[in-house]
Amino acid sequence: MRKGLDLLYRVSGGIAAFFLFMIAATIVAQIAGRFFGFTIDSTESGGFFLAGTTFMGMAHTLKAGNHVRVSLLVSKFKGPLAWLSDIWICLFAAFGCGYLTWQTASMVHDSWRFGDLSPGLLAVPFWIPQSVMLAGLAILTIAFLDELFLVLGRHSPGYATPHETALDGIEEGE
């Protein structure tokens, strides 16, 4: 199961990298189009690719320990209190992401049911880019549940990789 989950996070990170590449490709196409005298509108597609990059990259970033994490309070906890705070963090995040996933699934279904199209030149059915957002949120929810089970099993969560904080080296009372 561990190998399957790690593969899921790597694949979602790879998809995010592909969408990032597509942002660059649309910008290069737009510049080349101007050079050769024709117009390419990359605003809409760039926005869709940005959403894909963002949402498909979140789980991979979490598992790599690269999410921005405010640990001023949590870093002061030791022993059982630190363990309980990690459980609370994972539960809260998994619940929040699960709720967002559920609401996004409803939005995707409504977009599909009503035939919503993007207003730009491409007229892309909105459910297509929204589905990428839904997949990214679902994978992030799975990643937080994965983190929760790691913490419950007394393993170090992936998001808690050692890092420097802005307050490292500052003595109390200075």
Protein backbone atom coordinates (compact mmCIF):
# COMPACT_ATOMS: atom_id res chain seq x y z
CA MET A 1 0.00 0.00 0.00
CA ARG A 2 2.86 2.36 0.85
CA LYS A 3 4.37 1.97 -2.61
CA GLY A 4 1.00 2.65 -4.24
CA LEU A 5 0.45 5.82 -2.23
CA ASP A 6 3.96 7.08 -2.90
CA LEU A 7 3.43 6.39 -6.62
CA LEU A 8 0.14 8.35 -6.48
CA TYR A 9 1.92 11.36 -4.97
CA ARG A 10 4.76 11.18 -7.51
CA VAL A 11 2.33 10.89 -10.43
CA SER A 12 0.31 13.88 -9.18
CA GLY A 13 3.57 15.83 -8.85
CA GLY A 14 4.49 14.81 -12.40
CA ILE A 15 1.12 15.96 -13.69
CA ALA A 16 1.63 19.28 -11.88
CA ALA A 17 5.03 19.61 -13.58
CA PHE A 18 3.41 18.89 -16.96
CA PHE A 19 0.86 21.66 -16.41
CA LEU A 20 3.67 24.01 -15.40
CA PHE A 21 5.43 23.15 -18.66
CA MET A 22 2.18 23.85 -20.53
CA ILE A 23 2.01 27.34 -18.99
CA ALA A 24 5.47 28.02 -20.40
CA ALA A 25 4.52 26.52 -23.78
CA THR A 26 1.44 28.72 -24.11
CA ILE A 27 3.46 31.81 -23.26
CA VAL A 28 6.14 30.89 -25.82
CA ALA A 29 3.40 30.24 -28.41
CA GLN A 30 1.88 33.63 -27.68
CA ILE A 31 5.24 35.37 -28.08
CA ALA A 32 6.00 33.44 -31.29
CA GLY A 33 2.54 34.31 -32.61
CA ARG A 34 3.18 38.00 -32.09
CA PHE A 35 6.52 37.67 -33.85
CA PHE A 36 4.88 36.04 -36.88
CA GLY A 37 1.87 38.36 -36.91
CA PHE A 38 -0.96 36.31 -35.41
CA THR A 39 -2.62 36.40 -32.01
CA ILE A 40 -2.81 33.53 -29.54
CA ASP A 41 -4.84 34.12 -26.39
CA SER A 42 -3.11 32.22 -23.60
CA THR A 43 -4.91 33.86 -20.68
CA GLU A 44 -7.64 31.26 -20.38
CA SER A 45 -5.52 28.18 -21.02
CA GLY A 46 -2.79 29.56 -18.77
CA GLY A 47 -5.34 29.93 -15.97
CA PHE A 48 -6.52 26.35 -16.44
CA PHE A 49 -2.93 25.09 -16.44
CA LEU A 50 -2.18 27.14 -13.32
CA ALA A 51 -5.10 25.52 -11.51
CA GLY A 52 -3.83 22.11 -12.61
CA THR A 53 -0.31 22.88 -11.42
CA THR A 54 -1.54 24.14 -8.07
CA PHE A 55 -4.02 21.42 -7.19
CA MET A 56 -2.13 18.44 -8.60
CA GLY A 57 1.05 19.56 -6.86
CA MET A 58 -0.35 19.96 -3.34
CA ALA A 59 -0.16 16.32 -2.19
CA HIS A 60 3.34 15.83 -3.58
CA THR A 61 4.47 19.03 -1.88
CA LEU A 62 2.91 17.96 1.42
CA LYS A 63 4.55 14.55 1.40
CA ALA A 64 7.91 16.12 0.51
CA GLY A 65 7.64 18.36 3.58
CA ASN A 66 7.65 21.55 1.54
CA HIS A 67 4.32 23.08 2.49
CA VAL A 68 4.50 26.36 4.33
CA ARG A 69 3.85 25.49 7.94
CA VAL A 70 3.51 27.88 10.83
CA SER A 71 5.09 26.02 13.73
CA LEU A 72 5.66 28.73 16.30
CA LEU A 73 3.29 27.09 18.77
CA VAL A 74 3.52 23.44 17.71
CA SER A 75 7.32 23.42 17.77
CA LYS A 76 7.21 24.17 21.51
CA PHE A 77 5.26 20.98 22.27
CA LYS A 78 7.13 17.90 23.46
CA GLY A 79 6.17 14.28 24.04
CA PRO A 80 2.47 13.34 24.14
CA LEU A 81 1.35 16.93 23.56
CA ALA A 82 3.32 17.10 20.30
CA TRP A 83 1.82 13.77 19.23
CA LEU A 84 -1.72 14.93 20.02
CA SER A 85 -1.18 18.21 18.18
CA ASP A 86 -0.02 16.31 15.08
CA ILE A 87 -3.14 14.13 15.29
CA TRP A 88 -5.33 17.23 15.58
CA ILE A 89 -3.57 18.91 12.65
CA CYS A 90 -4.00 15.86 10.42
CA LEU A 91 -7.65 15.36 11.42
CA PHE A 92 -8.49 19.01 10.85
CA ALA A 93 -6.69 19.10 7.49
CA ALA A 94 -8.20 15.79 6.30
CA PHE A 95 -11.70 16.93 7.28
CA GLY A 96 -11.23 20.34 5.64
CA CYS A 97 -9.81 18.87 2.43
CA GLY A 98 -12.50 16.19 2.39
CA TYR A 99 -15.18 18.87 2.64
CA LEU A 100 -13.56 20.88 -0.17
CA THR A 101 -13.35 17.72 -2.29
CA TRP A 102 -17.05 17.01 -1.73
CA GLN A 103 -18.05 20.59 -2.59
CA THR A 104 -15.81 20.59 -5.67
CA ALA A 105 -17.34 17.30 -6.84
CA SER A 106 -20.75 18.96 -6.57
CA MET A 107 -19.48 21.96 -8.58
CA VAL A 108 -18.00 19.71 -11.29
CA HIS A 109 -21.25 17.77 -11.53
CA ASP A 110 -23.27 21.00 -11.85
CA SER A 111 -20.92 22.33 -14.52
CA TRP A 112 -21.27 19.11 -16.46
CA ARG A 113 -25.05 18.94 -15.99
CA PHE A 114 -25.65 22.55 -17.09
CA GLY A 115 -23.05 22.48 -19.88
CA ASP A 116 -21.10 25.47 -18.54
CA LEU A 117 -18.49 26.74 -20.98
CA SER A 118 -15.59 29.10 -20.38
CA PRO A 119 -16.31 32.58 -21.77
CA GLY A 120 -13.09 32.92 -23.77
CA LEU A 121 -12.19 32.06 -27.34
CA LEU A 122 -11.67 28.37 -26.58
CA ALA A 123 -15.11 27.71 -25.01
CA VAL A 124 -13.81 24.81 -22.89
CA PRO A 125 -16.41 22.93 -20.85
CA PHE A 126 -15.72 24.04 -17.28
CA TRP A 127 -16.00 20.52 -15.89
CA ILE A 128 -12.73 19.54 -17.58
CA PRO A 129 -10.37 21.91 -15.69
CA GLN A 130 -12.55 21.58 -12.60
CA SER A 131 -12.02 17.80 -12.71
CA VAL A 132 -8.27 18.35 -12.44
CA MET A 133 -8.92 20.52 -9.37
CA LEU A 134 -11.17 17.78 -7.95
CA ALA A 135 -8.51 15.11 -8.51
CA GLY A 136 -5.85 17.23 -6.82
CA LEU A 137 -8.08 17.87 -3.78
CA ALA A 138 -8.97 14.17 -3.53
CA ILE A 139 -5.30 13.19 -3.61
CA LEU A 140 -4.50 15.85 -0.99
CA THR A 141 -7.26 14.43 1.25
CA ILE A 142 -5.75 10.97 0.84
CA ALA A 143 -2.31 12.40 1.69
CA PHE A 144 -3.60 13.96 4.93
CA LEU A 145 -5.29 10.68 5.90
CA ASP A 146 -1.99 8.95 5.12
CA GLU A 147 -0.22 11.44 7.39
CA LEU A 148 -2.82 10.81 10.13
CA PHE A 149 -2.21 7.06 10.04
CA LEU A 150 1.55 7.64 10.12
CA VAL A 151 1.18 9.82 13.22
CA LEU A 152 -1.20 7.34 14.89
CA GLY A 153 1.41 4.63 14.23
CA ARG A 154 4.00 6.81 16.02
CA HIS A 155 5.90 7.52 12.78
CA SER A 156 7.15 10.95 11.83
CA PRO A 157 4.78 12.63 9.36
CA GLY A 158 6.17 13.70 5.99
CA TYR A 159 5.13 17.31 6.49
CA ALA A 160 7.29 17.59 9.60
CA THR A 161 10.69 17.45 7.97
CA PRO A 162 13.32 19.35 9.94
CA HIS A 163 13.58 22.96 8.92
CA GLU A 164 14.93 26.24 10.11
CA THR A 165 12.58 28.85 11.45
CA ALA A 166 13.04 32.59 11.56
CA LEU A 167 13.42 32.36 15.33
CA ASP A 168 16.15 29.69 15.42
CA GLY A 169 19.12 30.88 17.43
CA ILE A 170 17.22 33.62 19.27
CA GLU A 171 17.41 33.11 22.98
CA GLU A 172 14.40 33.81 25.15
CA GLY A 173 14.56 37.13 26.94
CA GLU A 174 16.82 38.86 24.42
